[in-house]
Amino acid sequence: AADKVTQPSREKHVLILGAGKMAEMAVQQIKKRAAGRLRLSVTSRKLCHAYSFAREFGISFFPMQELPFMLEQADALISVLGGEGYAITPNHFAQFPNSRRPLICVDIGVPRNIDPAVAKISNVIVHDIDALDSVVTQTLAARRGEIPAAEAMIAETLAEFNEWYNSRQTAPLIKGLQDYVEFLCQSELGRFGRDFHSDSAAAWRKKSSASRFSACAYSPPRKMRTA
């Protein structure tokens, strides 16, 4: 509803009919989304309620008797009045049939506050609960269409996290195995080293040891990480 009355242009004058919880939510959303200057005025069936509401939110108030005059000056209206009977009828527009500016009316009262006949008046657009429900339904459908892409992103991120976490779990074991294999290789070289004294024999020992160490120390850990 707030989007209907906060389109960017000149200063907007928005009327709020009602001073209850729904009216509070409407004012908060309008102020949050307003793109430019905005003037809000509130009224209610009881003027004292409108006065208290206006003081709380720093806006103006007016008596219900002035509603026809205020409608002639307003750009938008949000009606959230309680009680039976229509609060706004075609009679409210009879005094200014040709001089008024376009008016957007959003009726979120239960039961409805605005007579359906008001929608037939020139330059008056009425959005009721049913119309707003259709907008919500379309928005939800669009969001549901994005669910598969979001799930794919989550699955990819989760797989990357699991791979990282598993590598951290096996890191101490891999390091221990590598250190142990290196210890065995060095021990074997030390045990047989006294039987080989030439430079060529020493080079062969070093190359052979490195090859065995690489095969033993790195191949199994690599398989462990991908298991």
Protein backbone atom coordinates (compact mmCIF):
# COMPACT_ATOMS: atom_id res chain seq x y z
CA ALA A 1 0.00 0.00 0.00
CA ALA A 2 2.85 2.37 0.81
CA ASP A 3 4.27 1.93 -2.71
CA LYS A 4 1.00 3.16 -4.19
CA VAL A 5 1.29 6.56 -2.53
CA THR A 6 5.04 7.29 -2.52
CA GLN A 7 5.89 7.57 -6.21
CA PRO A 8 8.54 10.30 -6.76
CA SER A 9 7.22 13.68 -7.95
CA ARG A 10 6.20 16.92 -6.24
CA GLU A 11 5.20 17.08 -2.58
CA LYS A 12 2.44 14.58 -1.84
CA HIS A 13 -0.46 15.09 0.53
CA VAL A 14 -1.59 11.78 2.00
CA LEU A 15 -4.68 11.35 4.15
CA ILE A 16 -4.86 8.63 6.78
CA LEU A 17 -8.33 7.57 7.90
CA GLY A 18 -8.00 5.73 11.20
CA ALA A 19 -5.78 5.96 14.27
CA GLY A 20 -5.23 2.33 15.25
CA LYS A 21 -2.41 -0.18 14.79
CA MET A 22 -2.94 -0.52 11.04
CA ALA A 23 -2.75 3.25 10.66
CA GLU A 24 0.52 3.27 12.62
CA MET A 25 2.01 0.67 10.29
CA ALA A 26 0.83 2.61 7.24
CA VAL A 27 2.42 5.86 8.42
CA GLN A 28 5.70 4.12 9.30
CA GLN A 29 5.93 2.48 5.88
CA ILE A 30 5.03 5.66 4.01
CA LYS A 31 7.68 7.66 5.85
CA LYS A 32 10.22 4.91 5.25
CA ARG A 33 9.57 4.70 1.50
CA ALA A 34 8.81 8.36 0.72
CA ALA A 35 11.14 9.55 -2.05
CA GLY A 36 10.56 13.29 -1.56
CA ARG A 37 8.64 15.75 0.52
CA LEU A 38 5.51 14.33 2.07
CA ARG A 39 2.64 15.82 4.05
CA LEU A 40 0.47 13.53 6.14
CA SER A 41 -2.90 14.32 7.70
CA VAL A 42 -4.96 11.99 9.87
CA THR A 43 -8.58 11.82 10.94
CA SER A 44 -10.71 9.33 12.81
CA ARG A 45 -14.30 8.83 13.88
CA LYS A 46 -13.24 10.30 17.24
CA LEU A 47 -11.27 13.51 16.92
CA CYS A 48 -9.40 12.89 20.19
CA HIS A 49 -7.90 9.73 18.71
CA ALA A 50 -6.77 11.60 15.61
CA TYR A 51 -5.24 14.31 17.79
CA SER A 52 -3.22 11.80 19.87
CA PHE A 53 -2.10 9.97 16.74
CA ALA A 54 -1.00 13.21 15.06
CA ARG A 55 1.06 14.25 18.08
CA GLU A 56 2.78 10.85 18.26
CA PHE A 57 3.86 10.88 14.60
CA GLY A 58 4.36 14.60 14.11
CA ILE A 59 1.65 15.05 11.47
CA SER A 60 -1.49 17.18 11.16
CA PHE A 61 -5.07 16.13 11.95
CA PHE A 62 -8.54 17.24 10.90
CA PRO A 63 -12.16 16.42 11.82
CA MET A 64 -14.15 13.98 9.70
CA GLN A 65 -16.54 16.79 8.77
CA GLU A 66 -13.77 18.36 6.67
CA LEU A 67 -13.14 15.17 4.69
CA PRO A 68 -14.72 16.40 1.40
CA PHE A 69 -12.50 19.49 1.43
CA MET A 70 -9.39 17.44 2.32
CA LEU A 71 -10.11 14.92 -0.44
CA GLU A 72 -10.11 17.75 -2.98
CA GLN A 73 -6.53 18.67 -1.94
CA ALA A 74 -5.11 15.18 -1.40
CA ASP A 75 -3.01 12.99 -3.68
CA ALA A 76 -3.64 9.75 -1.84
CA LEU A 77 -5.73 8.27 0.92
CA ILE A 78 -5.27 5.19 3.07
CA SER A 79 -8.37 4.11 4.95
CA VAL A 80 -8.09 1.74 7.92
CA LEU A 81 -11.17 2.70 9.89
CA GLY A 82 -13.05 0.19 11.98
CA GLY A 83 -16.81 -0.07 12.30
CA GLU A 84 -19.71 -0.74 9.97
CA GLY A 85 -20.73 1.34 6.99
CA TYR A 86 -18.78 3.13 4.28
CA ALA A 87 -16.67 6.04 5.52
CA ILE A 88 -16.23 7.40 1.98
CA THR A 89 -19.01 7.55 -0.61
CA PRO A 90 -19.53 9.38 -3.91
CA ASN A 91 -21.21 12.18 -1.93
CA HIS A 92 -17.81 13.17 -0.53
CA PHE A 93 -16.72 14.14 -4.05
CA ALA A 94 -19.91 15.93 -5.10
CA GLN A 95 -18.72 19.39 -4.01
CA PHE A 96 -15.68 19.33 -6.32
CA PRO A 97 -16.69 17.30 -9.39
CA ASN A 98 -14.28 18.86 -11.89
CA SER A 99 -11.55 20.71 -10.01
CA ARG A 100 -9.92 17.92 -8.10
CA ARG A 101 -6.52 16.33 -8.82
CA PRO A 102 -6.05 12.56 -9.38
CA LEU A 103 -6.52 10.62 -6.15
CA ILE A 104 -5.29 7.15 -5.20
CA CYS A 105 -7.39 5.48 -2.51
CA VAL A 106 -6.16 2.39 -0.68
CA ASP A 107 -8.88 0.65 1.32
CA ILE A 108 -7.46 -1.84 3.81
CA GLY A 109 -10.30 -1.57 6.29
CA VAL A 110 -12.28 -4.63 7.37
CA PRO A 111 -15.09 -4.36 6.48
CA ARG A 112 -14.42 -2.11 3.51
CA ASN A 113 -14.37 1.62 4.20
CA ILE A 114 -14.84 2.92 0.65
CA ASP A 115 -18.04 2.52 -1.34
CA PRO A 116 -17.23 0.56 -4.56
CA ALA A 117 -19.09 3.27 -6.49
CA VAL A 118 -16.23 5.67 -5.69
CA ALA A 119 -14.05 3.78 -8.18
CA LYS A 120 -16.32 5.02 -10.99
CA ILE A 121 -15.54 8.68 -10.26
CA SER A 122 -13.20 10.38 -12.71
CA ASN A 123 -9.59 10.76 -11.51
CA VAL A 124 -10.16 8.43 -8.54
CA ILE A 125 -8.36 5.08 -8.39
CA VAL A 126 -9.36 2.62 -5.66
CA HIS A 127 -7.26 -0.30 -4.46
CA ASP A 128 -8.94 -2.64 -1.99
CA ILE A 129 -7.82 -5.75 -0.09
CA ASP A 130 -8.53 -8.03 -3.05
CA ALA A 131 -6.36 -5.95 -5.38
CA LEU A 132 -3.54 -5.82 -2.84
CA ASP A 133 -3.79 -9.59 -2.34
CA SER A 134 -3.22 -10.12 -6.06
CA VAL A 135 -0.08 -7.95 -5.89
CA VAL A 136 1.18 -9.97 -2.93
CA THR A 137 0.46 -13.22 -4.80
CA GLN A 138 2.42 -12.05 -7.85
CA THR A 139 5.34 -10.96 -5.67
CA LEU A 140 5.43 -14.29 -3.85
CA ALA A 141 5.29 -16.19 -7.15
CA ALA A 142 8.28 -14.21 -8.45
CA ARG A 143 10.22 -14.92 -5.26
CA ARG A 144 9.39 -18.63 -5.38
CA GLY A 145 10.81 -18.71 -8.91
CA GLU A 146 14.19 -17.72 -7.47
CA ILE A 147 14.22 -20.56 -4.93
CA PRO A 148 16.04 -23.14 -7.17
CA ALA A 149 18.88 -20.70 -7.88
CA ALA A 150 19.17 -19.86 -4.18
CA GLU A 151 19.21 -23.55 -3.23
CA ALA A 152 21.96 -24.22 -5.80
CA MET A 153 24.08 -21.42 -4.34
CA ILE A 154 23.57 -22.79 -0.83
CA ALA A 155 24.48 -26.33 -1.91
CA GLU A 156 27.67 -25.13 -3.64
CA THR A 157 28.74 -23.10 -0.62
CA LEU A 158 27.97 -26.00 1.72
CA ALA A 159 30.05 -28.39 -0.39
CA GLU A 160 33.00 -25.98 -0.31
CA PHE A 161 32.66 -25.62 3.45
CA ASN A 162 32.52 -29.39 3.99
CA GLU A 163 35.63 -29.88 1.86
CA TRP A 164 37.47 -27.23 3.86
CA TYR A 165 36.26 -28.64 7.18
CA ASN A 166 37.22 -32.21 6.29
CA SER A 167 40.69 -31.09 5.23
CA ARG A 168 41.16 -29.48 8.64
CA GLN A 169 40.05 -32.69 10.35
CA THR A 170 42.60 -34.85 8.50
CA ALA A 171 45.48 -32.35 8.50
CA PRO A 172 47.06 -33.52 11.82
CA LEU A 173 46.87 -37.18 10.75
CA ILE A 174 48.41 -36.44 7.35
CA LYS A 175 51.24 -34.47 8.94
CA GLY A 176 51.90 -37.28 11.39
CA LEU A 177 52.06 -39.88 8.62
CA GLN A 178 54.42 -37.74 6.57
CA ASP A 179 56.73 -37.20 9.55
CA TYR A 180 56.71 -40.92 10.35
CA VAL A 181 57.52 -41.97 6.77
CA GLU A 182 60.33 -39.43 6.63
CA PHE A 183 61.68 -40.83 9.90
CA LEU A 184 61.63 -44.37 8.48
CA CYS A 185 63.41 -43.27 5.31
CA GLN A 186 66.11 -41.47 7.23
CA SER A 187 66.54 -44.45 9.55
CA GLU A 188 66.97 -46.81 6.61
CA LEU A 189 69.48 -44.48 4.98
CA GLY A 190 71.42 -44.31 8.21
CA ARG A 191 71.42 -48.09 8.58
CA PHE A 192 72.64 -48.80 5.07
CA GLY A 193 74.69 -45.65 4.60
CA ARG A 194 77.86 -47.17 6.00
CA ASP A 195 77.84 -49.78 3.19
CA PHE A 196 77.86 -47.11 0.44
CA HIS A 197 80.72 -44.64 0.46
CA SER A 198 81.03 -43.36 -3.11
CA ASP A 199 79.44 -40.13 -4.32
CA SER A 200 77.36 -41.98 -6.92
CA ALA A 201 76.04 -44.34 -4.27
CA ALA A 202 75.12 -41.41 -2.03
CA ALA A 203 73.27 -39.72 -4.89
CA TRP A 204 71.41 -42.94 -5.64
CA ARG A 205 70.44 -43.31 -1.98
CA LYS A 206 69.10 -39.77 -1.86
CA LYS A 207 67.09 -40.10 -5.08
CA SER A 208 65.70 -43.51 -4.14
CA SER A 209 64.72 -42.29 -0.68
CA ALA A 210 62.96 -39.21 -2.05
CA SER A 211 61.00 -41.31 -4.54
CA ARG A 212 59.83 -43.78 -1.90
CA PHE A 213 59.03 -40.94 0.51
CA SER A 214 56.91 -39.17 -2.11
CA ALA A 215 54.97 -42.32 -2.96
CA CYS A 216 54.31 -43.24 0.66
CA ALA A 217 53.74 -39.84 2.18
CA TYR A 218 51.65 -38.01 -0.41
CA SER A 219 49.53 -40.50 -2.33
CA PRO A 220 47.52 -41.88 0.65
CA PRO A 221 46.82 -38.41 2.17
CA ARG A 222 45.61 -37.18 -1.21
CA LYS A 223 43.15 -40.07 -1.33
CA MET A 224 42.08 -39.34 2.26
CA ARG A 225 41.21 -35.75 1.39
CA THR A 226 39.00 -36.79 -1.51
CA ALA A 227 37.37 -39.76 0.23
